N, C-alpha and C. Protein backbone atom coordinates (compact mmCIF):
# COMPACT_ATOMS: atom_id res chain seq x y z
N MET A 1 2.14 -14.75 -23.71
CA MET A 1 1.52 -15.00 -22.32
C MET A 1 1.52 -13.79 -21.36
N GLY A 2 0.74 -13.50 -20.69
CA GLY A 2 0.64 -12.54 -19.36
C GLY A 2 -0.50 -12.76 -18.71
N LEU A 3 -0.54 -11.97 -17.63
CA LEU A 3 -1.61 -11.91 -16.46
C LEU A 3 -2.25 -10.68 -16.58
N LYS A 4 -3.63 -10.58 -16.42
CA LYS A 4 -4.50 -9.66 -16.08
C LYS A 4 -4.80 -9.50 -14.74
N LYS A 5 -4.78 -8.43 -14.05
CA LYS A 5 -5.18 -8.27 -12.69
C LYS A 5 -5.76 -7.02 -12.38
N THR A 6 -6.70 -6.90 -11.82
CA THR A 6 -7.35 -5.48 -11.15
C THR A 6 -6.65 -5.35 -9.76
N PHE A 7 -5.97 -4.30 -9.64
CA PHE A 7 -5.35 -3.95 -8.43
C PHE A 7 -6.26 -2.74 -7.69
N VAL A 8 -6.57 -2.97 -6.36
CA VAL A 8 -7.47 -1.89 -5.67
C VAL A 8 -6.65 -1.53 -4.46
N GLY A 9 -6.61 -0.12 -4.35
CA GLY A 9 -6.00 0.45 -3.34
C GLY A 9 -6.44 1.89 -2.86
N THR A 10 -5.70 2.50 -1.94
CA THR A 10 -6.18 3.80 -1.69
C THR A 10 -4.88 4.56 -1.76
N GLY A 11 -5.22 6.03 -1.91
CA GLY A 11 -4.07 7.00 -2.10
C GLY A 11 -4.40 8.37 -1.76
N THR A 12 -3.73 9.24 -1.75
CA THR A 12 -4.00 10.60 -1.30
C THR A 12 -3.63 11.33 -2.52
N ALA A 13 -4.83 12.02 -3.05
CA ALA A 13 -4.78 12.90 -4.24
C ALA A 13 -4.16 14.07 -3.77
N THR A 14 -3.34 14.70 -4.83
CA THR A 14 -2.89 16.03 -4.67
C THR A 14 -3.10 16.96 -5.93
N VAL A 15 -3.27 18.24 -5.58
CA VAL A 15 -3.55 19.39 -6.68
C VAL A 15 -2.52 20.20 -6.66
N GLN A 16 -1.94 20.50 -8.03
CA GLN A 16 -0.93 21.55 -8.08
C GLN A 16 -1.49 22.74 -8.20
N THR A 17 -1.25 23.85 -7.39
CA THR A 17 -1.81 25.19 -7.30
C THR A 17 -0.61 26.32 -7.49
N PRO A 18 -1.02 27.32 -7.60
CA PRO A 18 0.16 28.46 -7.79
C PRO A 18 0.78 28.46 -6.47
N PHE A 19 0.39 28.02 -5.40
CA PHE A 19 0.76 28.02 -3.94
C PHE A 19 1.67 26.85 -3.57
N GLY A 20 1.77 25.87 -4.63
CA GLY A 20 2.30 24.64 -4.36
C GLY A 20 1.30 23.59 -4.39
N GLN A 21 1.60 22.43 -4.03
CA GLN A 21 0.74 21.17 -3.81
C GLN A 21 -0.19 21.12 -2.70
N LEU A 22 -1.34 20.92 -2.95
CA LEU A 22 -2.34 20.66 -1.85
C LEU A 22 -2.95 19.50 -1.85
N GLU A 23 -3.18 18.84 -0.68
CA GLU A 23 -3.72 17.58 -0.61
C GLU A 23 -5.27 17.48 -0.80
N ALA A 24 -5.91 16.71 -1.55
CA ALA A 24 -7.30 17.08 -1.94
C ALA A 24 -7.94 15.63 -1.19
N GLY A 25 -7.41 15.01 -0.42
CA GLY A 25 -8.17 13.98 0.22
C GLY A 25 -7.89 12.54 -0.11
N GLN A 26 -8.33 11.53 0.70
CA GLN A 26 -8.15 10.21 0.19
C GLN A 26 -9.09 9.65 -0.92
N SER A 27 -8.46 8.71 -1.78
CA SER A 27 -9.25 8.23 -2.85
C SER A 27 -8.89 6.90 -3.11
N VAL A 28 -9.89 5.97 -3.51
CA VAL A 28 -9.94 4.70 -3.63
C VAL A 28 -9.59 4.44 -5.11
N TYR A 29 -8.59 3.57 -5.50
CA TYR A 29 -8.64 3.49 -6.88
C TYR A 29 -8.67 1.98 -7.29
N GLU A 30 -9.01 1.74 -8.71
CA GLU A 30 -9.16 0.39 -9.14
C GLU A 30 -8.53 0.45 -10.43
N LYS A 31 -7.40 -0.36 -10.61
CA LYS A 31 -6.74 -0.28 -11.99
C LYS A 31 -6.69 -1.79 -12.49
N GLU A 32 -7.02 -2.09 -13.67
CA GLU A 32 -6.76 -3.02 -14.52
C GLU A 32 -5.48 -3.05 -15.02
N VAL A 33 -4.32 -4.01 -14.79
CA VAL A 33 -3.12 -3.86 -15.25
C VAL A 33 -2.77 -5.21 -15.98
N LEU A 34 -1.95 -5.17 -17.12
CA LEU A 34 -1.43 -6.29 -17.78
C LEU A 34 0.06 -6.40 -17.13
N CYS A 35 0.31 -7.74 -16.76
CA CYS A 35 1.70 -8.18 -16.00
C CYS A 35 2.39 -9.05 -16.94
N LEU A 36 3.60 -8.57 -17.47
CA LEU A 36 4.32 -9.27 -18.35
C LEU A 36 5.64 -9.58 -17.75
N VAL A 37 6.07 -10.91 -17.79
CA VAL A 37 7.36 -11.18 -17.28
C VAL A 37 8.45 -10.87 -18.26
N THR A 38 9.47 -10.27 -17.96
CA THR A 38 10.53 -10.00 -18.70
C THR A 38 11.86 -10.21 -18.26
N ASN A 39 12.86 -10.15 -18.96
CA ASN A 39 14.29 -10.44 -18.43
C ASN A 39 14.50 -11.41 -17.41
N ALA A 40 14.25 -12.68 -17.71
CA ALA A 40 14.44 -13.85 -16.83
C ALA A 40 15.88 -14.14 -16.81
N ILE A 41 16.44 -14.42 -15.51
CA ILE A 41 17.85 -14.61 -15.24
C ILE A 41 17.71 -16.03 -14.76
N VAL A 42 18.33 -17.25 -15.49
CA VAL A 42 17.85 -18.56 -14.71
C VAL A 42 19.25 -18.88 -14.48
N GLU A 43 19.29 -19.41 -12.99
CA GLU A 43 20.42 -19.97 -12.31
C GLU A 43 20.00 -21.36 -12.07
N ARG A 44 20.95 -22.32 -11.66
CA ARG A 44 20.61 -23.67 -11.32
C ARG A 44 19.79 -23.52 -9.92
N GLU A 45 19.94 -22.80 -9.05
CA GLU A 45 19.26 -22.51 -7.83
C GLU A 45 18.06 -21.66 -7.84
N LYS A 46 18.34 -20.43 -8.48
CA LYS A 46 17.18 -19.53 -8.54
C LYS A 46 17.11 -18.82 -9.89
N THR A 47 15.71 -18.46 -10.19
CA THR A 47 15.53 -17.71 -11.38
C THR A 47 14.99 -16.40 -10.88
N SER A 48 15.64 -15.34 -11.30
CA SER A 48 15.09 -13.91 -11.08
C SER A 48 14.54 -13.33 -12.30
N PHE A 49 13.49 -12.61 -12.08
CA PHE A 49 12.84 -11.98 -13.22
C PHE A 49 12.13 -10.63 -12.96
N PHE A 50 11.92 -9.96 -13.99
CA PHE A 50 11.01 -8.80 -13.67
C PHE A 50 9.72 -8.75 -14.37
N VAL A 51 8.80 -7.94 -13.66
CA VAL A 51 7.35 -8.07 -14.21
C VAL A 51 7.09 -6.45 -14.64
N HIS A 52 6.64 -6.35 -15.64
CA HIS A 52 6.37 -4.98 -16.16
C HIS A 52 4.90 -4.86 -16.06
N PHE A 53 4.39 -3.86 -15.30
CA PHE A 53 2.94 -3.58 -15.23
C PHE A 53 2.68 -2.48 -16.10
N THR A 54 1.70 -2.75 -16.84
CA THR A 54 1.06 -1.65 -17.68
C THR A 54 -0.46 -1.52 -17.71
N GLY A 55 -0.86 -0.23 -17.87
CA GLY A 55 -2.38 -0.15 -17.83
C GLY A 55 -2.62 1.47 -17.79
N GLU A 56 -3.89 1.84 -17.61
CA GLU A 56 -4.18 3.40 -17.70
C GLU A 56 -3.39 4.06 -16.45
N ASN A 57 -2.46 5.03 -16.98
CA ASN A 57 -1.68 5.82 -15.96
C ASN A 57 -0.75 4.65 -14.95
N VAL A 58 -0.47 3.44 -15.46
CA VAL A 58 0.32 2.58 -14.73
C VAL A 58 1.48 2.30 -15.80
N ASP A 59 2.78 2.27 -15.40
CA ASP A 59 4.05 1.92 -16.10
C ASP A 59 4.94 1.70 -15.11
N SER A 60 5.09 0.52 -14.66
CA SER A 60 6.30 0.17 -13.58
C SER A 60 6.92 -1.28 -13.74
N VAL A 61 7.84 -1.36 -13.00
CA VAL A 61 8.51 -2.80 -13.14
C VAL A 61 8.86 -3.16 -11.70
N SER A 62 8.86 -4.42 -11.20
CA SER A 62 9.23 -4.98 -9.97
C SER A 62 9.90 -6.28 -10.27
N GLU A 63 10.71 -6.49 -9.36
CA GLU A 63 11.81 -7.67 -9.46
C GLU A 63 11.22 -8.85 -8.44
N TYR A 64 11.10 -10.05 -9.09
CA TYR A 64 10.67 -11.24 -8.39
C TYR A 64 11.83 -12.37 -8.52
N ALA A 65 11.76 -13.42 -7.66
CA ALA A 65 12.71 -14.50 -7.63
C ALA A 65 12.02 -15.87 -7.23
N PHE A 66 12.24 -16.97 -7.74
CA PHE A 66 11.83 -18.20 -7.10
C PHE A 66 12.82 -19.21 -7.36
N THR A 67 12.79 -20.49 -6.54
CA THR A 67 13.54 -21.60 -6.75
C THR A 67 13.32 -22.22 -8.11
N THR A 68 14.51 -22.34 -9.04
CA THR A 68 14.28 -23.00 -10.10
C THR A 68 14.11 -24.37 -9.99
N ASP A 69 13.07 -24.97 -10.98
CA ASP A 69 12.82 -26.44 -11.06
C ASP A 69 13.28 -26.84 -12.34
N LEU A 70 14.59 -27.26 -12.51
CA LEU A 70 15.23 -27.69 -13.59
C LEU A 70 14.47 -28.86 -14.57
N ASN A 71 13.45 -29.50 -13.73
CA ASN A 71 12.69 -30.56 -14.44
C ASN A 71 11.45 -30.00 -14.77
N GLY A 72 10.98 -28.83 -14.29
CA GLY A 72 9.70 -28.09 -14.70
C GLY A 72 9.56 -27.55 -16.22
N PRO A 73 8.67 -26.78 -16.41
CA PRO A 73 8.44 -26.21 -17.70
C PRO A 73 9.27 -25.23 -17.90
N ASN A 74 9.38 -24.52 -19.00
CA ASN A 74 10.63 -23.32 -19.09
C ASN A 74 10.39 -22.22 -18.19
N ALA A 75 11.50 -21.49 -18.04
CA ALA A 75 11.48 -20.52 -16.97
C ALA A 75 10.54 -19.29 -16.87
N ILE A 76 10.01 -19.21 -18.22
CA ILE A 76 8.98 -18.09 -18.19
C ILE A 76 7.68 -18.58 -17.55
N LYS A 77 7.29 -19.78 -18.10
CA LYS A 77 6.11 -20.43 -17.62
C LYS A 77 6.21 -20.56 -16.00
N GLN A 78 7.36 -20.94 -15.58
CA GLN A 78 7.62 -20.99 -14.09
C GLN A 78 7.33 -19.83 -13.37
N ALA A 79 7.67 -18.67 -13.92
CA ALA A 79 7.52 -17.22 -13.42
C ALA A 79 6.24 -16.87 -13.34
N TYR A 80 5.47 -17.09 -14.46
CA TYR A 80 4.00 -17.16 -14.25
C TYR A 80 3.10 -17.79 -13.22
N LEU A 81 3.79 -19.06 -13.18
CA LEU A 81 3.09 -20.01 -12.27
C LEU A 81 3.30 -19.54 -10.83
N TYR A 82 4.65 -18.99 -10.54
CA TYR A 82 5.04 -18.41 -9.28
C TYR A 82 4.31 -17.33 -8.92
N LEU A 83 4.04 -16.41 -9.90
CA LEU A 83 3.45 -15.12 -9.52
C LEU A 83 1.86 -15.39 -8.93
N LYS A 84 1.46 -16.64 -9.59
CA LYS A 84 0.03 -16.77 -9.37
C LYS A 84 -0.18 -17.40 -7.92
N THR A 85 0.95 -17.70 -7.17
CA THR A 85 0.97 -18.10 -5.94
C THR A 85 1.00 -17.13 -4.76
N LEU A 86 1.37 -15.90 -5.39
CA LEU A 86 1.49 -14.79 -4.42
C LEU A 86 0.26 -14.09 -4.12
N PRO A 87 -0.09 -13.64 -2.85
CA PRO A 87 -1.36 -13.07 -2.62
C PRO A 87 -1.75 -11.84 -3.39
N GLU A 88 -0.75 -11.01 -3.76
CA GLU A 88 -0.99 -9.87 -4.53
C GLU A 88 -1.49 -10.16 -5.98
N PHE A 89 -1.36 -11.46 -6.42
CA PHE A 89 -1.84 -11.92 -7.87
C PHE A 89 -2.89 -12.93 -7.81
N GLU A 90 -3.47 -12.84 -6.58
CA GLU A 90 -4.71 -13.77 -6.31
C GLU A 90 -5.81 -13.15 -7.27
N GLY A 91 -6.38 -14.28 -8.17
CA GLY A 91 -7.36 -13.80 -9.03
C GLY A 91 -7.01 -13.25 -10.34
N ALA A 92 -5.44 -13.42 -10.58
CA ALA A 92 -5.18 -12.75 -12.00
C ALA A 92 -5.48 -13.91 -12.96
N GLU A 93 -5.70 -13.38 -14.15
CA GLU A 93 -6.16 -14.09 -15.39
C GLU A 93 -5.06 -14.19 -16.35
N ASP A 94 -5.00 -15.53 -16.98
CA ASP A 94 -4.08 -15.57 -18.00
C ASP A 94 -4.60 -14.95 -19.27
N VAL A 95 -3.68 -14.25 -19.94
CA VAL A 95 -4.10 -13.49 -21.21
C VAL A 95 -3.02 -13.94 -22.32
């Protein structure tokens, strides 16, 4: 199980020259990223977990947490359901 999401943003491109780094200007990027839940730590009150983001030139990890539902589905499923409630994961597809 995982989520696929296209993230869009802006950034400043830099170029390494013999004289140091120079800014090459603003650019818009669009990256399709696979988001995988890893290392869930389930406690009675709270579940903490990490999301590993992978894609072209993307490899990062972020931590999230939600209130554990002891009567709900397993913790990993709850983590994915929680992510889909966050604005930054709007439109994410199950894979």
